[in-house]
Protein backbone atom coordinates (compact mmCIF):
# COMPACT_ATOMS: atom_id res chain seq x y z
CA MET A 1 -112.71 -37.49 -112.56
CA THR A 2 -113.72 -40.35 -109.62
CA THR A 3 -110.83 -42.85 -109.70
CA TYR A 4 -110.67 -45.30 -107.01
CA ILE A 5 -107.57 -46.54 -105.88
CA ASN A 6 -107.60 -50.93 -104.54
CA PHE A 7 -106.12 -51.49 -100.90
CA GLY A 8 -107.12 -55.38 -100.86
CA SER A 9 -110.30 -56.42 -102.32
CA GLN A 10 -112.15 -53.13 -101.98
CA PRO A 11 -111.28 -49.55 -103.94
CA GLN A 12 -111.50 -46.95 -102.14
CA THR A 13 -112.52 -43.28 -104.28
CA ILE A 14 -109.62 -40.70 -104.63
CA ASP A 15 -109.14 -37.85 -106.98
CA HIS A 16 -106.85 -39.89 -109.52
CA SER A 17 -106.19 -40.45 -113.21
CA PHE A 18 -106.51 -44.30 -112.67
CA ASP A 19 -109.05 -46.78 -111.53
CA TYR A 20 -106.89 -48.22 -109.33
CA GLU A 21 -102.94 -47.81 -107.48
CA ASN A 22 -100.76 -50.21 -106.28
CA VAL A 23 -97.10 -50.72 -105.77
CA SER A 24 -97.44 -54.69 -107.46
CA ASP A 25 -99.38 -55.83 -110.32
CA PRO A 26 -103.27 -56.97 -110.68
CA LEU A 27 -104.49 -60.63 -109.74
CA VAL A 28 -106.69 -62.26 -111.44
CA THR A 29 -108.98 -62.05 -108.25
CA THR A 30 -109.34 -58.15 -108.18
CA ASN A 31 -112.77 -57.40 -108.84
CA PRO A 32 -113.03 -54.03 -111.04
CA LEU A 33 -116.10 -52.01 -111.49
CA GLN A 34 -116.16 -52.35 -115.49
CA ILE A 35 -114.46 -53.43 -117.68
CA GLY A 36 -111.64 -50.71 -119.31
CA ASP A 37 -110.76 -50.07 -115.40
CA SER A 38 -107.08 -49.54 -115.33
CA TRP A 39 -104.33 -50.22 -113.26
CA VAL A 40 -101.31 -48.79 -112.17
CA ASN A 41 -97.97 -50.78 -110.80
CA THR A 42 -96.40 -47.60 -108.99
CA THR A 43 -93.07 -49.66 -108.98
CA THR A 44 -92.47 -50.80 -112.56
CA GLY A 45 -95.19 -48.02 -114.11
CA GLU A 46 -97.13 -50.61 -115.90
CA ILE A 47 -100.80 -49.83 -116.92
CA PHE A 48 -103.08 -52.83 -116.87
CA ILE A 49 -106.09 -52.47 -118.70
CA CYS A 50 -109.58 -54.90 -117.50
CA ILE A 51 -110.74 -56.65 -120.67
CA ASP A 52 -112.94 -59.05 -119.39
CA LYS A 53 -114.53 -58.72 -116.16
CA THR A 54 -115.40 -62.41 -114.49
CA THR A 55 -115.44 -62.00 -110.70
CA ASP A 56 -113.15 -63.65 -109.40
CA ASN A 57 -111.41 -64.51 -113.24
CA ASN A 58 -110.57 -61.22 -114.57
CA ILE A 59 -107.93 -60.37 -117.42
CA TRP A 60 -106.06 -57.41 -117.04
CA LYS A 61 -103.82 -56.58 -120.25
CA GLY A 62 -100.92 -54.50 -119.45
CA THR A 63 -98.43 -52.03 -121.72
CA GLN A 64 -95.37 -54.14 -121.35
CA GLY A 65 -96.55 -56.58 -122.24
CA ASN A 66 -98.08 -58.51 -119.08
CA THR A 67 -101.49 -60.56 -119.28
CA ILE A 68 -102.58 -61.27 -115.50
CA VAL A 69 -105.27 -64.63 -116.45
CA ILE A 70 -105.53 -67.73 -115.14
CA ILE A 71 -104.03 -70.14 -116.80
CA ASP A 72 -106.20 -72.67 -118.32
CA TRP A 73 -103.41 -75.89 -118.93
CA LYS A 74 -103.54 -79.09 -117.63
CA ILE A 75 -101.04 -82.04 -118.33
CA TYR A 76 -104.23 -84.50 -119.36
CA GLY A 77 -106.34 -83.35 -122.42
CA ILE A 78 -109.28 -82.03 -121.52
CA ASP A 79 -111.86 -81.76 -124.72
CA TYR A 80 -109.37 -83.35 -127.63
CA SER A 81 -105.74 -85.67 -127.96
CA TYR A 82 -103.89 -84.62 -131.57
CA ILE A 83 -101.87 -87.86 -133.19
CA PHE A 84 -98.65 -86.54 -135.27
CA GLY A 85 -97.48 -88.89 -138.35
CA SER A 86 -96.93 -92.44 -137.74
CA GLN A 87 -94.89 -95.12 -138.45
CA ALA A 88 -95.98 -97.09 -141.65
CA SER A 89 -99.02 -94.43 -143.18
CA ASN A 90 -100.47 -91.81 -143.02
CA THR A 91 -97.21 -89.98 -142.06
CA ASP A 92 -97.56 -86.43 -142.80
CA LYS A 93 -100.77 -86.00 -141.19
CA VAL A 94 -102.78 -85.11 -138.39
CA GLU A 95 -105.38 -86.71 -136.17
CA LYS A 96 -108.16 -85.09 -134.13
CA ILE A 97 -109.65 -87.35 -131.17
CA THR A 98 -113.10 -86.21 -129.56
CA LEU A 99 -112.16 -87.82 -126.11
CA ALA A 100 -116.01 -87.14 -125.14
CA SER A 101 -117.46 -89.06 -127.47
CA VAL A 102 -114.16 -91.47 -128.37
CA SER A 103 -114.85 -90.50 -132.22
CA SER A 104 -111.66 -89.34 -134.56
CA GLN A 105 -111.40 -87.49 -137.60
CA ASP A 106 -108.38 -86.52 -140.89
CA LEU A 107 -107.68 -82.76 -139.79
CA GLY A 108 -106.73 -83.11 -143.76
CA LEU A 109 -103.65 -81.17 -142.73
CA THR A 110 -100.67 -82.15 -143.96
CA LEU A 111 -96.97 -81.96 -142.18
CA SER A 112 -93.77 -80.48 -143.41
CA HIS A 113 -92.45 -83.68 -143.82
CA THR A 114 -93.00 -87.68 -142.70
CA ILE A 115 -92.41 -87.99 -139.35
CA SER A 116 -92.90 -91.80 -136.74
CA GLU A 117 -91.63 -91.47 -132.92
CA SER A 118 -91.54 -87.90 -132.54
CA ASN A 119 -91.69 -86.07 -128.84
CA GLY A 120 -94.20 -83.94 -128.32
CA GLY A 121 -95.03 -80.87 -125.75
CA LYS A 122 -97.83 -78.35 -125.62
CA SER A 123 -98.56 -74.70 -124.13
CA GLU A 124 -101.09 -73.24 -123.48
CA THR A 125 -102.70 -71.93 -127.12
CA HIS A 126 -100.64 -74.83 -129.25
CA GLY A 127 -99.43 -78.48 -129.73
CA TYR A 128 -95.68 -79.17 -130.32
CA LYS A 129 -94.26 -82.22 -132.76
CA ILE A 130 -90.43 -82.47 -131.25
CA GLY A 131 -87.79 -84.58 -133.31
CA GLY A 132 -89.11 -87.92 -134.80
CA GLN A 133 -87.68 -89.95 -136.95
CA VAL A 134 -87.37 -90.19 -140.73
CA GLY A 135 -84.84 -92.65 -141.79
CA ALA A 136 -82.66 -91.61 -138.55
CA VAL A 137 -83.96 -89.02 -135.91
CA GLN A 138 -83.88 -85.87 -136.43
CA THR A 139 -84.01 -82.12 -135.52
CA GLN A 140 -86.73 -80.29 -136.61
CA VAL A 141 -90.16 -79.50 -134.75
CA GLU A 142 -93.71 -78.26 -136.14
CA LYS A 143 -96.33 -76.59 -133.83
CA MET A 144 -100.71 -76.36 -134.70
CA GLN A 145 -102.22 -73.46 -133.14
CA PHE A 146 -105.11 -75.10 -130.96
CA SER A 147 -107.73 -72.11 -131.96
CA ASN A 148 -107.62 -72.79 -135.62
CA GLU A 149 -106.31 -76.55 -135.97
CA THR A 150 -103.42 -75.21 -138.42
CA LEU A 151 -99.96 -75.73 -138.56
CA SER A 152 -96.95 -72.87 -138.17
CA GLY A 153 -94.57 -74.88 -141.09
CA LEU A 154 -91.35 -75.96 -139.34
CA LEU A 155 -89.58 -74.09 -136.38
CA THR A 156 -85.96 -73.72 -135.48
CA ALA A 157 -84.23 -77.25 -135.55
CA LEU A 158 -83.48 -78.19 -131.82
CA ASN A 159 -79.63 -78.27 -131.32
CA GLN A 160 -79.86 -82.54 -130.89
CA ASN A 161 -81.66 -85.39 -132.59
CA VAL A 162 -84.87 -85.81 -130.31
CA GLY A 163 -87.32 -89.06 -130.67
CA VAL A 164 -87.94 -92.41 -129.81
CA GLY A 165 -88.51 -92.40 -126.62
CA ASP A 166 -91.34 -90.44 -125.29
CA SER A 167 -92.09 -86.53 -123.30
CA TRP A 168 -92.46 -84.54 -119.71
CA VAL A 169 -94.75 -81.65 -120.70
CA THR A 170 -94.78 -78.54 -118.31
CA ILE A 171 -96.48 -75.33 -118.92
CA ASN A 172 -93.41 -73.68 -120.06
CA GLU A 173 -91.31 -76.19 -121.47
CA ALA A 174 -90.96 -80.15 -122.32
CA TYR A 175 -88.33 -82.74 -121.64
CA SER A 176 -88.12 -85.08 -124.50
CA MET A 177 -85.94 -88.68 -123.59
CA GLY A 178 -83.90 -90.26 -126.08
CA ASN A 179 -82.58 -90.62 -129.74
CA ARG A 180 -81.15 -93.72 -130.99
CA SER A 181 -78.91 -94.32 -134.20
CA GLY A 182 -79.13 -97.42 -135.73
CA SER A 183 -78.87 -100.09 -132.42
CA SER A 184 -77.59 -97.63 -130.60
CA TYR A 185 -79.32 -95.50 -127.70
CA ALA A 186 -78.36 -91.90 -126.35
CA SER A 187 -78.91 -91.03 -122.65
CA TYR A 188 -79.66 -87.22 -122.67
CA ILE A 189 -82.99 -85.43 -122.20
CA ASN A 190 -83.24 -82.29 -124.40
CA LYS A 191 -85.42 -79.07 -122.60
CA TYR A 192 -87.60 -77.81 -125.34
CA PHE A 193 -88.83 -74.29 -124.30
CA TYR A 194 -92.73 -73.48 -125.54
CA GLN A 195 -92.52 -69.39 -125.36
CA THR A 196 -88.29 -69.17 -127.52
CA GLU A 197 -89.05 -72.03 -129.49
CA THR A 198 -85.89 -73.29 -128.47
CA ASP A 199 -83.84 -75.97 -126.81
CA ALA A 200 -81.36 -75.34 -124.23
CA ASN A 201 -79.47 -78.83 -125.46
CA ILE A 202 -78.86 -81.23 -122.62
CA VAL A 203 -79.86 -80.66 -119.79
CA ALA A 204 -79.61 -84.25 -117.74
CA THR A 205 -78.38 -87.83 -118.14
CA LEU A 206 -80.56 -91.30 -118.21
CA ASN A 207 -79.20 -93.51 -115.58
CA SER A 208 -78.70 -96.00 -118.89
CA ALA A 209 -78.60 -95.43 -122.29
CA SER A 210 -82.44 -94.77 -122.86
CA GLY A 211 -84.63 -93.91 -126.35
CA ASN A 212 -85.83 -97.81 -126.34
CA TYR A 213 -89.60 -96.97 -127.30
CA GLY A 214 -90.15 -95.55 -123.47
CA ALA A 215 -92.87 -94.08 -121.86
CA THR A 216 -93.70 -91.69 -119.00
CA VAL A 217 -96.41 -90.96 -117.01
CA GLN A 218 -95.89 -88.08 -114.30
CA ASN A 219 -97.20 -85.03 -112.10
CA GLU A 220 -96.96 -81.48 -112.13
CA THR A 221 -93.75 -81.64 -110.48
CA THR A 222 -91.88 -84.86 -111.30
CA GLY A 223 -91.83 -87.27 -114.17
CA TRP A 224 -90.89 -91.64 -114.37
CA TYR A 225 -89.61 -92.69 -117.26
CA TRP A 226 -89.37 -96.57 -118.62
CA ASP A 227 -87.46 -97.65 -120.97
CA SER A 228 -87.09 -101.47 -121.73
CA GLY A 229 -83.55 -101.68 -122.15
CA ALA A 230 -83.04 -99.99 -118.58
CA SER A 231 -82.99 -101.54 -114.83
CA GLY A 232 -85.52 -99.42 -113.64
CA LEU A 233 -87.87 -96.53 -113.70
CA GLN A 234 -85.77 -93.22 -114.01
CA LYS A 235 -87.29 -90.40 -112.18
CA MET A 236 -86.82 -86.24 -112.50
CA THR A 237 -88.42 -83.30 -110.47
CA PHE A 238 -88.20 -80.44 -112.63
CA SER A 239 -87.25 -78.12 -110.36
CA ASN A 240 -84.14 -80.32 -109.77
CA GLU A 241 -83.92 -81.14 -113.41
CA ASN A 242 -80.01 -82.30 -113.76
CA THR A 243 -80.52 -84.95 -111.27
CA ILE A 244 -81.71 -88.55 -112.38
CA ALA A 245 -82.64 -91.17 -109.79
CA THR A 246 -83.68 -94.60 -110.81
CA VAL A 247 -86.57 -95.60 -108.27
CA SER A 248 -88.60 -98.97 -109.27
CA GLN A 249 -88.81 -101.68 -111.77
CA ILE A 250 -91.58 -102.84 -114.18
CA SER A 251 -92.10 -105.66 -115.93
CA ALA A 252 -90.37 -105.53 -119.51
CA THR A 253 -93.36 -105.99 -121.64
CA GLN A 254 -94.17 -102.75 -120.67
CA ARG A 255 -92.21 -100.35 -122.56
CA ASN A 256 -95.19 -98.88 -125.32
CA GLY A 257 -97.99 -96.40 -124.75
CA SER A 258 -98.86 -94.53 -121.05
CA SER A 259 -101.37 -92.37 -119.05
CA SER A 260 -100.92 -90.34 -116.25
CA ASP A 261 -104.06 -90.19 -113.11
CA VAL A 262 -102.97 -86.80 -111.73
CA VAL A 263 -106.02 -86.62 -109.21
CA ASN A 264 -105.69 -90.57 -108.20
CA GLY A 265 -101.30 -89.49 -108.18
CA GLN A 266 -101.36 -92.63 -110.21
CA GLY A 267 -99.57 -94.06 -113.70
CA TYR A 268 -100.17 -96.75 -116.03
CA TYR A 269 -97.92 -98.16 -118.58
CA HIS A 270 -100.41 -99.79 -120.90
CA GLY A 271 -99.58 -103.40 -121.99
CA GLY A 272 -97.70 -102.76 -125.31
CA PHE A 273 -95.53 -105.08 -127.13
CA ASN A 274 -95.62 -108.86 -127.72
CA TRP A 275 -100.19 -108.49 -128.10
CA GLY A 276 -99.92 -107.37 -123.99
CA ARG A 277 -103.44 -106.63 -122.73
CA THR A 278 -102.86 -105.87 -119.31
CA LEU A 279 -101.81 -102.21 -117.94
CA THR A 280 -99.09 -101.51 -114.86
CA LYS A 281 -100.49 -98.83 -112.24
CA PHE A 282 -97.69 -96.75 -110.71
CA GLN A 283 -98.52 -95.00 -107.40
CA PHE A 284 -96.93 -91.90 -107.96
CA ALA A 285 -95.85 -90.89 -103.63
CA ASN A 286 -94.70 -94.23 -102.91
CA GLU A 287 -93.19 -95.10 -106.37
CA SER A 288 -94.51 -98.64 -105.99
CA THR A 289 -96.07 -100.87 -108.24
CA GLN A 290 -99.15 -103.18 -109.27
CA ALA A 291 -99.57 -105.83 -111.75
CA ASN A 292 -102.44 -106.15 -114.22
CA PRO A 293 -104.90 -104.48 -112.32
CA LEU A 294 -106.89 -104.53 -115.17
CA THR A 295 -106.78 -106.43 -118.19
CA LEU A 296 -108.42 -105.06 -121.39
CA ALA A 297 -110.72 -107.75 -123.74
CA ASP A 298 -109.21 -109.79 -126.82
CA ASP A 299 -110.04 -107.29 -130.26
CA GLY A 300 -107.63 -108.49 -131.90
CA ASN A 301 -105.25 -105.44 -132.36
CA ASN A 302 -101.53 -105.35 -131.23
CA TRP A 303 -100.67 -102.69 -128.70
CA GLU A 304 -97.16 -102.51 -129.52
CA ASP A 305 -96.22 -98.74 -130.22
CA SER A 306 -99.42 -97.40 -129.52
CA ILE A 307 -100.20 -94.19 -128.54
CA GLY A 308 -101.37 -93.16 -124.40
CA CYS A 309 -103.26 -89.83 -123.90
CA GLU A 310 -105.65 -89.06 -120.37
CA SER A 311 -107.45 -87.55 -119.59
CA GLU A 312 -109.07 -86.20 -115.82
CA THR A 313 -110.66 -89.60 -115.46
CA THR A 314 -109.68 -91.78 -118.47
CA GLY A 315 -106.79 -93.39 -119.95
CA PHE A 316 -106.76 -94.09 -124.12
CA ILE A 317 -104.63 -95.66 -126.09
CA PHE A 318 -104.86 -95.11 -129.69
CA GLY A 319 -103.56 -97.31 -132.06
CA GLY A 320 -100.49 -99.85 -132.02
CA ASP A 321 -98.93 -102.40 -134.58
CA ALA A 322 -97.65 -105.63 -136.01
CA GLY A 323 -93.89 -104.85 -137.10
CA THR A 324 -93.21 -101.74 -139.09
CA SER A 325 -95.86 -102.91 -142.08
CA VAL A 326 -98.77 -103.27 -140.00
CA GLU A 327 -101.18 -100.97 -138.20
CA TYR A 328 -104.07 -100.73 -135.89
CA ASP A 329 -106.89 -97.98 -136.05
CA ARG A 330 -108.60 -98.66 -132.48
CA ILE A 331 -109.67 -96.49 -129.41
CA ARG A 332 -108.93 -98.75 -126.31
CA GLN A 333 -110.08 -96.66 -123.22
CA PHE A 334 -109.95 -97.52 -119.23
CA ASN A 335 -111.64 -95.29 -116.55
CA PHE A 336 -108.76 -94.40 -113.68
CA ALA A 337 -109.52 -95.32 -110.03
CA SER A 338 -107.72 -96.47 -106.67
CA SER A 339 -108.75 -99.18 -107.42
CA GLY A 340 -111.24 -101.21 -109.18
CA GLU A 341 -110.46 -99.94 -112.65
CA SER A 342 -113.08 -100.47 -115.50
CA GLU A 343 -112.45 -100.95 -119.53
CA GLY A 344 -114.93 -98.07 -121.58
CA THR A 345 -115.93 -98.12 -124.84
CA ILE A 346 -114.07 -99.48 -127.63
CA GLY A 347 -113.67 -96.45 -131.09
CA THR A 348 -112.17 -96.27 -133.97
CA LEU A 349 -109.93 -93.43 -134.82
CA SER A 350 -110.11 -92.66 -139.09
CA ARG A 351 -106.95 -93.71 -139.86
CA ALA A 352 -104.47 -96.96 -138.04
CA ALA A 353 -101.68 -95.07 -136.26
CA SER A 354 -98.42 -96.16 -134.16
CA ASN A 355 -95.34 -94.89 -133.52
CA THR A 356 -95.83 -91.64 -132.55
CA THR A 357 -96.81 -88.75 -130.34
CA GLN A 358 -100.17 -87.03 -129.41
CA VAL A 359 -101.13 -83.92 -127.31
CA SER A 360 -104.05 -82.97 -125.44
CA LYS A 361 -106.00 -80.51 -124.98
């Protein structure tokens, strides 16, 4: 039979049983002649079959469980945000927000338990609700599959109670800050692995007791955490996760809600305490802050315990409350910019929500 071997980007015809042979795996940019072409890694013996042929974006599926594909994972949301639970009402519901239209719907899903103050994580295929509070901070984990928007039921419990703080997300794991027991706050960081759906317990210790309704911003390599009980922004470099540094200080009123503008290299802490309507901007490169780059219009809603989200170009503020019994249903948005931020369309959630987590896709 006529088959091919790949040297660089052009296949050369030889007489062999596989279409391509090489000492390494194919790349997404390895362009076969047709779907179904085969590639053998002569080092490992794994055989790959092309199951999707798109120039420079091909999918190769291996016989040993490896798949060569471009991972479409972003820190920010592309299409949707999902809110898990809430503080006062609808505590076992899942809300879906379509970011482009600033519209919302109740998915009709019921979480396995009522929850507030949970943390979040997301892989390429699933969103995770990690820990949270039901009277006391808990160890439950539940996931939702993005493709069909179905819940898994409870997964393996965490080794450590997690909740009340906030999370950093990466493509492989989520880092959750802190815990609270009564009026006492913990200072640990829990790491959750999506692939095994287990946690690494405590991977780092914050420089001050945390969990006090904090908020995070991040880029692909580094996260910054603000807690109103702390002495400054606390920083983790994900490749050196056991080391925490304190780098800056921002207003104590900026403790609820945040958005990360990855494209422009900055994050925003929302004015989420005592009716604050201002933003604080934090520059990743020089770790400096700018107070009040934008003050949003007063719509009569409180941003305390609001839920932050981001797309590539826009920051979102979902809900909020005025204490534990009064929640709001407003969606606020603002346009990211290196300077000259501006307010966007105001929308409405299908239900009031506050003091919980969201994941986006």
